[in-house]
Amino acid sequence: MSAQKVSIPWGTDETDAIHLTWDDSDLPGAVVVTITSDVNTTGATRRKNLTFTTLSSSGPQKQDNLAVIQDIESLVIAKYNGIVSTFNDTKAGFKQK
């Protein structure tokens, strides 16, 4: 297996996207997913909800939810199952205004 990348458009009429990158060589098992995004030029905070579903030939499938939020200053916040994700052991957060 190898490094994987998928780009998901923020919306149906938008050309910019969320980019998910991971290395699937550790599967089955835990995998770190890096989330980036194109710059937000819409002038509005935007949110995209994604659902991850396992593929299993035995036993029940599992689903987990990822919410990606990008503010007007292009700060990206990721919440996995409602928990704010971290980068380099630092919890993400919106800038103070």
C-alpha atoms as a PDB file:
ATOM      1  CA  MET A   1       0.000   0.000   0.000  1.00  0.00           C
ATOM      2  CA  SER A   2       1.049   3.625  -0.198  1.00  0.00           C
ATOM      3  CA  ALA A   3       0.245   7.259   0.422  1.00  0.00           C
ATOM      4  CA  GLN A   4      -3.291   8.195  -0.585  1.00  0.00           C
ATOM      5  CA  LYS A   5      -4.933  11.548  -1.262  1.00  0.00           C
ATOM      6  CA  VAL A   6      -8.499  12.532  -1.946  1.00  0.00           C
ATOM      7  CA  SER A   7      -9.861  16.016  -2.672  1.00  0.00           C
ATOM      8  CA  ILE A   8     -13.496  16.793  -1.848  1.00  0.00           C
ATOM      9  CA  PRO A   9     -15.085  20.014  -3.153  1.00  0.00           C
ATOM     10  CA  TRP A  10     -16.465  22.312  -0.449  1.00  0.00           C
ATOM     11  CA  GLY A  11     -19.703  22.655  -2.408  1.00  0.00           C
ATOM     12  CA  THR A  12     -21.342  21.829  -5.693  1.00  0.00           C
ATOM     13  CA  ASP A  13     -20.553  25.211  -7.258  1.00  0.00           C
ATOM     14  CA  GLU A  14     -17.064  25.629  -5.739  1.00  0.00           C
ATOM     15  CA  THR A  15     -13.733  24.742  -7.327  1.00  0.00           C
ATOM     16  CA  ASP A  16     -11.720  24.744  -4.090  1.00  0.00           C
ATOM     17  CA  ALA A  17     -11.625  21.633  -1.950  1.00  0.00           C
ATOM     18  CA  ILE A  18     -10.696  19.864   1.285  1.00  0.00           C
ATOM     19  CA  HIS A  19      -7.685  17.566   0.856  1.00  0.00           C
ATOM     20  CA  LEU A  20      -7.287  14.381   2.940  1.00  0.00           C
ATOM     21  CA  THR A  21      -3.899  12.612   2.872  1.00  0.00           C
ATOM     22  CA  TRP A  22      -2.951   9.355   4.615  1.00  0.00           C
ATOM     23  CA  ASP A  23      -0.669   6.324   4.329  1.00  0.00           C
ATOM     24  CA  ASP A  24      -2.661   3.112   4.210  1.00  0.00           C
ATOM     25  CA  SER A  25       0.364   0.842   4.774  1.00  0.00           C
ATOM     26  CA  ASP A  26      -0.632   0.539   8.468  1.00  0.00           C
ATOM     27  CA  LEU A  27      -4.053  -0.912   7.649  1.00  0.00           C
ATOM     28  CA  PRO A  28      -5.608  -2.707   9.341  1.00  0.00           C
ATOM     29  CA  GLY A  29      -4.966  -0.440  12.309  1.00  0.00           C
ATOM     30  CA  ALA A  30      -4.818   3.243  13.193  1.00  0.00           C
ATOM     31  CA  VAL A  31      -4.042   5.724  10.416  1.00  0.00           C
ATOM     32  CA  VAL A  32      -3.284   9.450  10.724  1.00  0.00           C
ATOM     33  CA  VAL A  33      -5.197  11.589   8.213  1.00  0.00           C
ATOM     34  CA  THR A  34      -3.812  15.061   7.405  1.00  0.00           C
ATOM     35  CA  ILE A  35      -6.500  17.596   6.455  1.00  0.00           C
ATOM     36  CA  THR A  36      -5.750  20.708   4.408  1.00  0.00           C
ATOM     37  CA  SER A  37      -7.844  23.067   2.311  1.00  0.00           C
ATOM     38  CA  ASP A  38      -7.624  25.590  -0.454  1.00  0.00           C
ATOM     39  CA  VAL A  39      -7.888  29.216   0.700  1.00  0.00           C
ATOM     40  CA  ASN A  40     -11.404  30.333   1.622  1.00  0.00           C
ATOM     41  CA  THR A  41     -12.320  33.174  -0.735  1.00  0.00           C
ATOM     42  CA  THR A  42     -16.089  32.925  -0.176  1.00  0.00           C
ATOM     43  CA  GLY A  43     -16.248  35.506   2.631  1.00  0.00           C
ATOM     44  CA  ALA A  44     -18.196  33.073   4.825  1.00  0.00           C
ATOM     45  CA  THR A  45     -17.372  30.293   7.271  1.00  0.00           C
ATOM     46  CA  ARG A  46     -18.051  26.943   5.664  1.00  0.00           C
ATOM     47  CA  ARG A  47     -18.539  23.410   6.960  1.00  0.00           C
ATOM     48  CA  LYS A  48     -18.371  19.960   5.393  1.00  0.00           C
ATOM     49  CA  ASN A  49     -19.510  16.765   7.152  1.00  0.00           C
ATOM     50  CA  LEU A  50     -17.912  13.483   6.088  1.00  0.00           C
ATOM     51  CA  THR A  51     -18.663   9.920   7.213  1.00  0.00           C
ATOM     52  CA  PHE A  52     -15.979   7.218   7.299  1.00  0.00           C
ATOM     53  CA  THR A  53     -17.271   3.636   7.030  1.00  0.00           C
ATOM     54  CA  THR A  54     -15.144   0.526   7.474  1.00  0.00           C
ATOM     55  CA  LEU A  55     -15.313  -2.288   4.953  1.00  0.00           C
ATOM     56  CA  SER A  56     -15.636  -5.600   6.719  1.00  0.00           C
ATOM     57  CA  SER A  57     -16.468  -9.067   5.457  1.00  0.00           C
ATOM     58  CA  SER A  58     -17.019 -10.246   9.029  1.00  0.00           C
ATOM     59  CA  GLY A  59     -18.699  -8.425  11.862  1.00  0.00           C
ATOM     60  CA  PRO A  60     -20.484  -5.075  11.867  1.00  0.00           C
ATOM     61  CA  GLN A  61     -19.246  -2.091   9.928  1.00  0.00           C
ATOM     62  CA  LYS A  62     -18.244   0.978  11.924  1.00  0.00           C
ATOM     63  CA  GLN A  63     -19.023   4.592  11.021  1.00  0.00           C
ATOM     64  CA  ASP A  64     -17.297   7.710  12.330  1.00  0.00           C
ATOM     65  CA  ASN A  65     -17.981  11.352  11.517  1.00  0.00           C
ATOM     66  CA  LEU A  66     -15.569  14.110  10.541  1.00  0.00           C
ATOM     67  CA  ALA A  67     -16.704  17.748  10.495  1.00  0.00           C
ATOM     68  CA  VAL A  68     -14.328  20.144   8.733  1.00  0.00           C
ATOM     69  CA  ILE A  69     -14.914  23.852   9.385  1.00  0.00           C
ATOM     70  CA  GLN A  70     -13.034  26.686   7.673  1.00  0.00           C
ATOM     71  CA  ASP A  71     -13.415  30.292   8.786  1.00  0.00           C
ATOM     72  CA  ILE A  72     -13.086  33.384   6.601  1.00  0.00           C
ATOM     73  CA  GLU A  73      -9.378  33.645   7.468  1.00  0.00           C
ATOM     74  CA  SER A  74      -8.888  30.070   6.131  1.00  0.00           C
ATOM     75  CA  LEU A  75      -8.262  28.512   9.564  1.00  0.00           C
ATOM     76  CA  VAL A  76      -9.319  24.842   9.336  1.00  0.00           C
ATOM     77  CA  ILE A  77     -10.890  23.083  12.323  1.00  0.00           C
ATOM     78  CA  ALA A  78     -11.492  19.322  12.229  1.00  0.00           C
ATOM     79  CA  LYS A  79     -13.834  17.545  14.644  1.00  0.00           C
ATOM     80  CA  TYR A  80     -13.737  13.750  14.642  1.00  0.00           C
ATOM     81  CA  ASN A  81     -16.798  12.295  16.378  1.00  0.00           C
ATOM     82  CA  GLY A  82     -17.321  15.702  18.026  1.00  0.00           C
ATOM     83  CA  ILE A  83     -13.771  15.988  19.397  1.00  0.00           C
ATOM     84  CA  VAL A  84     -11.554  18.802  18.112  1.00  0.00           C
ATOM     85  CA  SER A  85      -8.521  17.264  16.429  1.00  0.00           C
ATOM     86  CA  THR A  86      -4.907  18.171  17.150  1.00  0.00           C
ATOM     87  CA  PHE A  87      -1.785  18.865  15.127  1.00  0.00           C
ATOM     88  CA  ASN A  88       1.626  18.364  16.743  1.00  0.00           C
ATOM     89  CA  ASP A  89      -0.204  17.834  20.074  1.00  0.00           C
ATOM     90  CA  THR A  90      -1.820  21.309  19.860  1.00  0.00           C
ATOM     91  CA  LYS A  91      -5.619  21.497  19.892  1.00  0.00           C
ATOM     92  CA  ALA A  92      -7.060  23.525  17.026  1.00  0.00           C
ATOM     93  CA  GLY A  93      -9.173  26.598  17.714  1.00  0.00           C
ATOM     94  CA  PHE A  94     -10.611  29.698  16.132  1.00  0.00           C
ATOM     95  CA  LYS A  95      -8.628  32.907  16.384  1.00  0.00           C
ATOM     96  CA  GLN A  96      -9.750  35.508  18.926  1.00  0.00           C
ATOM     97  CA  LYS A  97     -11.373  38.556  17.297  1.00  0.00           C
END
